[in-house]
Structure formats: structure tokens, C-alpha cells
Protein backbone atom coordinates (compact mmCIF):
# COMPACT_ATOMS: atom_id res chain seq x y z
CA MET A 1 17.16 -18.24 -7.12
CA THR A 2 18.97 -15.61 -7.78
CA GLU A 3 21.46 -14.23 -4.62
CA VAL A 4 21.62 -10.86 -3.13
CA SER A 5 24.77 -8.99 -4.73
CA SER A 6 26.19 -5.64 -4.33
CA ALA A 7 24.44 -2.90 -6.05
CA LEU A 8 25.40 1.22 -5.45
CA GLY A 9 28.73 0.44 -3.90
CA LEU A 10 26.79 -1.28 -0.32
CA ALA A 11 27.91 -4.57 0.57
CA PRO A 12 25.71 -7.87 0.07
CA ASP A 13 24.20 -7.74 3.43
CA GLN A 14 23.19 -3.64 3.14
CA VAL A 15 21.36 -4.46 -0.46
CA ARG A 16 19.25 -8.00 1.52
CA THR A 17 18.27 -5.03 4.43
CA VAL A 18 17.27 -2.33 1.37
CA LEU A 19 15.24 -4.85 0.03
CA GLU A 20 13.37 -6.06 2.76
CA SER A 21 12.94 -2.74 4.05
CA ALA A 22 11.25 -2.52 0.38
CA SER A 23 9.34 -5.41 0.56
CA LEU A 24 7.26 -4.48 3.84
CA ALA A 25 5.18 -2.26 1.48
CA PRO A 26 1.38 -2.70 1.19
CA SER A 27 -0.14 -3.83 -1.44
CA VAL A 28 -3.67 -5.84 -2.24
CA HIS A 29 -3.99 -8.93 0.14
CA ASN A 30 -0.59 -8.84 0.57
CA SER A 31 -0.05 -10.52 -2.90
CA GLN A 32 3.69 -8.35 -2.96
CA PRO A 33 4.08 -7.58 -6.42
CA TRP A 34 7.18 -6.54 -6.99
CA ARG A 35 10.29 -7.59 -8.47
CA PHE A 36 13.72 -6.14 -8.05
CA ARG A 37 16.99 -6.62 -10.65
CA LEU A 38 20.55 -5.64 -9.04
CA LEU A 39 23.01 -4.29 -11.03
CA PRO A 40 26.29 -2.27 -9.87
CA ASP A 41 25.45 0.90 -10.81
CA ARG A 42 21.39 0.36 -9.95
CA ILE A 43 18.59 -0.96 -8.26
CA GLU A 44 15.83 -2.13 -11.11
CA LEU A 45 12.09 -2.18 -9.63
CA HIS A 46 9.55 -3.92 -11.82
CA ALA A 47 5.57 -5.51 -11.23
CA ASP A 48 5.49 -8.94 -10.93
CA ALA A 49 2.65 -9.36 -13.67
CA GLU A 50 2.14 -13.07 -12.12
CA ARG A 51 0.77 -11.81 -9.06
CA ARG A 52 -1.54 -9.67 -10.22
CA LEU A 53 -4.93 -9.83 -9.61
CA PRO A 54 -7.30 -9.45 -12.73
CA ALA A 55 -10.04 -9.52 -11.64
CA THR A 56 -9.95 -7.47 -8.42
CA ASP A 57 -7.29 -5.16 -10.22
CA PRO A 58 -7.92 -5.06 -13.50
CA ASP A 59 -6.57 -2.02 -14.55
CA ALA A 60 -3.35 -2.98 -13.01
CA ARG A 61 -3.53 0.69 -10.86
CA GLU A 62 -3.16 -1.00 -7.40
CA LEU A 63 0.04 -2.73 -8.68
CA ARG A 64 1.61 -0.52 -9.54
CA LEU A 65 0.33 1.82 -6.54
CA ALA A 66 2.24 -1.11 -4.41
CA CYS A 67 5.35 -1.04 -6.58
CA GLY A 68 5.52 2.50 -5.73
CA ALA A 69 5.08 2.10 -2.03
CA ALA A 70 7.94 -0.90 -2.14
CA LEU A 71 9.62 2.50 -4.06
CA PHE A 72 9.21 4.75 -0.84
CA ASN A 73 10.17 2.30 1.75
CA LEU A 74 13.31 1.81 -0.78
CA ARG A 75 14.52 5.08 -0.70
CA VAL A 76 14.33 5.50 3.00
CA ALA A 77 16.48 2.62 3.56
CA LEU A 78 19.18 3.69 1.47
CA GLN A 79 18.62 7.28 3.16
CA GLY A 80 19.15 5.52 6.29
CA LEU A 81 22.40 4.13 5.21
CA GLU A 82 23.85 7.65 4.25
CA VAL A 83 23.21 7.14 0.58
CA ARG A 84 21.13 9.84 -1.61
CA PRO A 85 18.90 7.81 -4.28
CA LEU A 86 18.15 8.91 -7.28
CA VAL A 87 15.06 8.01 -8.42
CA SER A 88 13.76 7.83 -12.39
CA LEU A 89 10.19 6.90 -12.98
CA LEU A 90 9.46 4.64 -16.09
CA PRO A 91 12.80 4.84 -17.34
CA GLY A 92 11.61 2.77 -20.58
CA GLN A 93 14.86 1.79 -23.32
CA ALA A 94 17.44 2.65 -19.95
CA ALA A 95 16.11 0.12 -17.97
CA PRO A 96 13.20 -2.22 -20.52
CA GLY A 97 10.13 -3.26 -18.58
CA ALA A 98 11.20 -0.70 -15.22
CA LEU A 99 8.82 0.87 -13.69
CA ALA A 100 11.55 2.94 -11.61
CA THR A 101 15.34 3.02 -11.68
CA VAL A 102 17.62 4.03 -8.21
CA ARG A 103 20.65 5.02 -8.58
CA ARG A 104 23.49 6.62 -6.06
CA GLY A 105 22.79 10.14 -6.19
CA GLY A 106 25.90 10.69 -3.44
CA THR A 107 25.65 10.94 0.24
CA MET A 108 23.57 11.83 3.25
CA ARG A 109 22.77 12.48 6.42
CA PRO A 110 19.43 11.42 7.62
CA ASP A 111 17.25 13.87 9.24
CA ASP A 112 15.24 13.39 12.09
CA GLU A 113 12.42 12.58 9.70
CA THR A 114 13.39 10.66 8.07
CA ARG A 115 14.86 8.24 11.06
CA ALA A 116 11.65 8.31 12.28
CA LEU A 117 9.73 6.95 8.54
CA LEU A 118 12.93 4.05 8.95
CA ARG A 119 12.11 2.96 12.10
CA ALA A 120 8.19 2.88 11.24
CA ILE A 121 8.76 1.24 8.25
CA PRO A 122 8.87 -2.89 10.45
CA ALA A 123 6.49 -1.15 12.99
CA ARG A 124 3.42 -0.18 9.78
CA ARG A 125 0.54 -3.11 9.73
CA THR A 126 -2.78 -2.78 7.76
CA ASN A 127 -4.80 -2.98 10.67
CA ARG A 128 -8.48 -4.35 10.19
CA ARG A 129 -9.67 -4.20 13.55
CA PRO A 130 -12.49 -1.78 14.74
CA PHE A 131 -10.87 1.29 15.63
CA PHE A 132 -11.45 3.79 19.10
CA GLU A 133 -13.97 6.27 18.31
CA SER A 134 -11.30 8.57 19.89
CA GLY A 135 -10.46 11.27 16.38
CA VAL A 136 -7.33 11.83 14.78
CA ASP A 137 -7.10 15.64 15.79
CA GLY A 138 -6.11 18.63 14.11
CA ARG A 139 -2.16 18.35 13.68
CA GLN A 140 -2.49 14.67 12.71
CA ARG A 141 -4.12 15.38 9.85
CA HIS A 142 -2.10 18.32 9.08
CA ALA A 143 1.20 16.00 9.50
CA LEU A 144 -0.77 13.41 6.87
CA VAL A 145 -1.83 15.54 4.55
CA ARG A 146 1.84 16.85 4.17
CA ALA A 147 3.13 13.86 3.82
CA ALA A 148 1.14 13.53 0.67
CA GLU A 149 2.43 16.99 -0.64
CA LEU A 150 6.11 16.12 0.09
CA GLU A 151 5.37 13.14 -2.61
CA ARG A 152 3.79 15.32 -5.40
CA SER A 153 0.27 14.01 -4.30
CA TRP A 154 -2.60 15.24 -2.84
CA LEU A 155 -4.68 13.75 0.35
CA HIS A 156 -8.17 14.84 0.63
CA VAL A 157 -9.46 14.24 3.76
CA ALA A 158 -13.44 13.94 3.80
CA GLY A 159 -14.72 16.43 6.42
CA ALA A 160 -17.80 17.39 5.53
CA ARG A 161 -20.63 14.88 6.98
CA GLU A 162 -22.64 14.32 3.30
CA GLN A 163 -19.45 14.08 1.74
CA VAL A 164 -18.29 11.35 3.81
CA ALA A 165 -21.67 9.83 3.93
CA ARG A 166 -21.36 9.84 -0.40
CA ILE A 167 -17.80 7.99 -0.08
CA LYS A 168 -19.71 5.61 2.38
CA TYR A 169 -22.09 5.01 -0.08
CA LEU A 170 -19.87 4.44 -2.72
CA VAL A 171 -18.04 1.83 -0.60
CA ARG A 172 -20.86 -0.25 -0.38
CA ARG A 173 -22.09 0.37 -3.74
CA ALA A 174 -18.52 -1.12 -5.12
CA HIS A 175 -18.84 -3.84 -2.52
CA GLN A 176 -21.72 -5.23 -3.54
CA ILE A 177 -20.37 -4.96 -6.87
CA GLN A 178 -17.33 -7.24 -5.94
CA LEU A 179 -18.98 -9.28 -3.96
CA GLU A 180 -21.16 -10.32 -7.08
CA ASP A 181 -18.28 -11.23 -9.25
CA PRO A 182 -16.98 -14.83 -8.87
CA GLY A 183 -13.37 -13.76 -9.91
CA VAL A 184 -12.69 -11.11 -7.68
CA GLN A 185 -14.01 -13.67 -4.60
CA ALA A 186 -12.09 -16.39 -6.01
CA GLU A 187 -8.83 -14.12 -5.67
CA LEU A 188 -9.77 -13.33 -1.99
CA ARG A 189 -9.91 -16.91 -1.26
CA SER A 190 -6.46 -17.45 -2.62
CA LEU A 191 -4.76 -15.51 -0.14
CA THR A 192 -6.97 -15.64 3.00
CA GLY A 193 -7.95 -18.01 4.99
CA HIS A 194 -5.23 -20.76 6.92
CA ARG A 195 -2.82 -21.46 4.46
CA PRO A 196 0.14 -22.52 6.36
CA GLY A 197 3.48 -22.25 5.84
CA ALA A 198 2.27 -19.00 2.81
CA LEU A 199 4.28 -16.41 2.92
CA ASP A 200 2.36 -13.99 1.20
CA GLY A 201 -1.53 -13.38 2.19
CA VAL A 202 -3.53 -12.05 4.86
CA PRO A 203 -3.44 -14.97 7.70
CA PRO A 204 -6.53 -15.11 10.04
CA ALA A 205 -4.06 -13.47 13.03
CA SER A 206 -3.84 -10.06 10.99
CA ALA A 207 -7.52 -10.53 9.06
CA GLY A 208 -9.56 -7.91 11.65
CA VAL A 209 -13.13 -9.33 12.49
CA SER A 210 -15.96 -10.94 10.01
CA PRO A 211 -17.95 -8.08 9.17
CA GLU A 212 -21.88 -8.23 9.64
CA ALA A 213 -25.01 -6.07 8.78
CA GLN A 214 -24.75 -3.69 11.05
CA ASP A 215 -21.77 -2.25 10.11
CA GLU A 216 -22.12 1.53 8.78
CA TRP A 217 -19.10 0.70 6.10
CA ALA A 218 -18.79 -2.36 3.79
CA PHE A 219 -15.87 -4.08 4.98
CA ARG A 220 -14.19 -6.58 2.91
CA ASP A 221 -14.66 -10.70 4.97
CA PHE A 222 -10.93 -11.72 5.30
CA HIS A 223 -12.54 -14.97 7.09
CA PRO A 224 -13.50 -16.70 3.18
CA GLY A 225 -15.94 -19.80 4.70
CA ALA A 226 -14.28 -19.36 7.88
CA ASN A 227 -17.26 -19.34 11.17
CA HIS A 228 -15.53 -16.42 13.00
CA ASP A 229 -18.23 -14.98 15.16
CA ARG A 230 -17.34 -11.38 17.00
CA LEU A 231 -16.64 -10.94 20.14
CA PRO A 232 -19.16 -8.29 21.96
CA GLY A 233 -18.10 -4.90 21.43
CA LYS A 234 -15.96 -5.68 18.58
CA ASP A 235 -18.29 -3.34 16.46
CA TYR A 236 -16.42 -1.49 13.55
CA GLU A 237 -16.63 2.20 14.85
CA SER A 238 -18.63 4.54 12.88
CA ASN A 239 -17.31 7.36 12.40
CA PRO A 240 -13.24 6.55 11.10
CA LEU A 241 -11.09 9.73 9.88
CA VAL A 242 -11.42 9.20 5.50
CA VAL A 243 -8.76 10.01 3.39
CA VAL A 244 -8.47 9.49 -0.23
CA VAL A 245 -4.88 9.14 -1.77
CA CYS A 246 -4.52 11.31 -5.20
CA SER A 247 -2.37 11.74 -8.40
CA HIS A 248 -2.93 14.99 -10.35
CA TYR A 249 -2.55 12.81 -13.22
CA GLU A 250 -4.21 9.98 -15.02
CA GLY A 251 -1.20 6.59 -16.07
CA PRO A 252 1.49 4.83 -14.70
CA LEU A 253 3.71 7.87 -13.24
CA GLY A 254 0.70 9.37 -11.45
CA GLU A 255 -0.16 5.94 -10.10
CA LEU A 256 3.42 5.33 -9.00
CA GLN A 257 3.80 8.81 -7.14
CA ALA A 258 0.34 8.15 -5.61
CA GLY A 259 2.32 5.32 -4.07
CA GLN A 260 5.14 6.88 -2.48
CA ALA A 261 2.86 9.18 -1.64
CA MET A 262 0.55 6.60 0.06
CA GLN A 263 3.59 4.91 2.21
CA ARG A 264 4.42 8.12 3.48
CA VAL A 265 1.27 8.95 4.60
CA LEU A 266 1.45 5.23 6.10
CA LEU A 267 3.98 5.13 7.83
CA THR A 268 3.78 9.25 8.98
CA ALA A 269 1.01 7.87 10.99
CA THR A 270 2.11 4.94 12.03
CA THR A 271 4.89 7.96 13.41
CA LEU A 272 1.58 9.38 15.19
CA GLY A 273 0.50 6.26 16.87
CA LEU A 274 -2.32 5.50 14.10
CA ALA A 275 -3.87 2.48 12.36
CA ALA A 276 -4.69 2.03 9.36
CA SER A 277 -6.47 0.27 6.83
CA PHE A 278 -7.55 0.33 2.90
CA LEU A 279 -11.51 1.08 1.54
CA SER A 280 -9.96 0.43 -2.34
CA GLN A 281 -13.71 -1.21 -3.60
CA PRO A 282 -14.45 2.15 -4.80
CA ILE A 283 -10.98 2.08 -6.60
CA GLU A 284 -11.08 -1.40 -8.49
CA VAL A 285 -14.67 -0.41 -9.80
CA ARG A 286 -14.16 1.59 -13.00
CA SER A 287 -18.13 2.99 -12.78
CA VAL A 288 -18.05 3.84 -9.34
CA ARG A 289 -14.07 5.27 -9.43
CA GLU A 290 -15.32 7.50 -11.93
CA GLU A 291 -18.15 8.72 -9.36
CA LEU A 292 -15.31 8.95 -6.23
CA ARG A 293 -13.64 11.75 -9.09
CA ARG A 294 -16.54 13.50 -9.73
CA GLU A 295 -17.29 13.88 -5.99
CA LEU A 296 -13.34 15.22 -5.46
CA GLY A 297 -14.57 17.84 -8.27
CA GLY A 298 -13.14 16.15 -11.28
CA VAL A 299 -9.63 17.58 -11.69
CA LEU A 300 -7.59 14.71 -8.83
CA VAL A 301 -7.33 11.04 -9.38
CA PRO A 302 -8.42 9.05 -7.10
CA GLN A 303 -5.46 6.22 -6.16
CA THR A 304 -6.83 4.64 -2.71
CA VAL A 305 -9.65 5.63 -0.01
CA LEU A 306 -8.04 4.84 3.49
CA ARG A 307 -9.82 4.89 6.67
CA VAL A 308 -7.59 5.87 9.77
CA GLY A 309 -7.77 6.27 14.13
CA PHE A 310 -6.72 4.72 17.04
CA SER A 311 -6.95 0.52 17.44
CA SER A 312 -5.29 -2.45 19.27
CA PRO A 313 -1.84 -3.82 17.33
CA VAL A 314 -1.88 -6.38 15.24
CA PRO A 315 0.08 -9.00 13.87
CA ALA A 316 2.76 -8.25 11.11
CA THR A 317 1.63 -10.06 7.88
CA PRO A 318 4.00 -12.80 6.18
CA ARG A 319 6.73 -12.06 3.44
CA ARG A 320 8.64 -13.69 0.75
CA PRO A 321 12.02 -13.44 1.32
CA VAL A 322 14.33 -11.17 -0.75
CA THR A 323 15.97 -14.10 -2.75
CA GLU A 324 12.54 -14.72 -4.36
CA LEU A 325 12.21 -11.15 -5.68
CA LEU A 326 15.01 -10.89 -7.21
CA LEU A 327 15.13 -10.82 -11.30
CA GLU A 328 18.50 -12.37 -13.39
CA PRO A 329 20.65 -9.37 -14.19
CA ASN A 330 20.15 -9.93 -17.47
CA ARG A 331 16.90 -11.64 -17.87
CA ALA A 332 13.96 -10.26 -20.40
CA VAL A 333 11.07 -8.63 -18.36
CA ASN A 334 7.57 -8.02 -20.08
């Protein structure tokens, strides 16, 4: 087990705080597919290939999205320590195997928006519970769109009734395909349900309620094999705000940028008192993803679908300790 060392001129306890913030990013089934290498002049972000879910995420698209979200948290945490992060995505031979490197680009004073995002990192949750029927207003929608734009990405807000219905159909279609895929279902079971002492995955307290036939949207059942009856009045909402985080181009670079945009959107939603969860199925099924892309005009690349609204609080999901996320300084990474 590697110990936390100093990096970027920060003491080990400060580096630990930064990495703890990074590790609070969302990932598929809370799989936490990231690793970090600490060197005096930089922090490297690597994908943890052993935590990839190949049936659910066959192209590792969502793995890179999650790593991009962790990178955004890391950036904000450094800014909170008055360090200006200098980020290089896909640095190549400068850091073999790394998805990104972060160096010290001088000092800075965090502004009010950065401080609000920093407070939101530990408060953000993936909220799988039913949302209230109250809607998201125009000011809040604008703030979410702006958040994606600041990260060189785009947030498509599904507004027209016909488009919402089309996305709902695509979610349900992809969901059905995955229900019939034993590999996808095995990965879901491996990271959900009662797993005493687990430091990853989605425990029952964070799993929401079991989906039922009357639900208008297709939701994953994070209570596999359990008899989790829904309480009266706990139907899922019929009309959540549905948004699609998009990159401007295909490939790992676009996915890392979109992951940072996704996390800024989620943290911005948290600062506004909004809840959010994922409708990832259309992204994970390649043929359906292409249909979704055509629905959005064929230019933007959809990277994840979110439902946004208001809901009751949910507990945090577990996280692995920082020492389990560290790579040896001289270890090669494939």
C-alpha cells in the first residue's frame, strides 16, 4: 500500500484532502475506476482497468467520463487550497498511460462560485429516489447549461414534448436490451445489494425504490434479488427535467472534457438544491446511442443522460480509502 506523499508543493495531508475530493465523483454503479500517481511536480490521473465494467461499458466511455468527473473535483479542491491547476489531458509520453496530469500553475484566490462548488463536492449524491413533481425553473436551467459550456461541452435540455417522448423511448429500449444481457446483469449484481463492509457499489440505502411497470421511465433495479416493496405514494415522477451532457467530438479527449462538464453540472445542481441521477442505458448500448445522437441533430456526441429535479435527501455511497487509489511513482501502467 502506497502512502500519501507531498506533491505540487502541498503537504501530504493536503494532498490526501485533494484526492478524497476527487474520489467523491460519480461512476457506473459506484465502481470508482480511477488511480492517482503522486510526483513532486504533478499528480497523474489514470484509469483503473480492473474496475472497468466491460458488458455495461464496452467502449470504456463511462470509465473515462467518471475519471473526467474525478479530475474536475481534483481541480476544484486544489483551487480551494489556492493552487491554480494546470491540466494536460492525454499527455502521452510525458506521463505514459495517464489520462491527465495536473501541475501547479501558480496561486489563485478562489471566488464565490468555486467555494460553492467545493462545498458541493461532499454534499452531491446520485439520487435514485422518486422526485417531486415541482419543476426546475428557467434560472436553474440556465445555470446548468452555463456549467457545461464552461467546460467546453454542451448540455442539451430536452424541452419539446416530442423529444422527451423520444428520449424516454430510447431509454426504455436500451434498458430492455440490457435486461436480456447476462453480462450486464451480472455486473449490476456484483456492485449492488447487501455487501457488508464494501467500499464501493450501491448499498440498499442509496438504491432508491424498486421500479414497477407503471413507471413512465425505465429505471434500473438496484435491489437485485431482493423483495423491496414500494411504499404507497412512492411512484417515480412522470415529467423530470431530462438533459444530455454532450461533447463536441468523439473519442477519449471529448469524453474527459464531458466528464468534467458533467461534474460541474452535477455540483451546480447541488448548489441550487436540485437532485440528479443517471439514465445511462442509451449511452451504453451503441446502436441506441447512435439513435440518440441523430435525435440531437447528429453533430453533438451524447455522453450521458441525467434526470434533474427535487427530491428528499439520500445517504452517501461508500468510497475506498485514498491509499488504495495510489500508484507507485515508478510503476508502469497499461
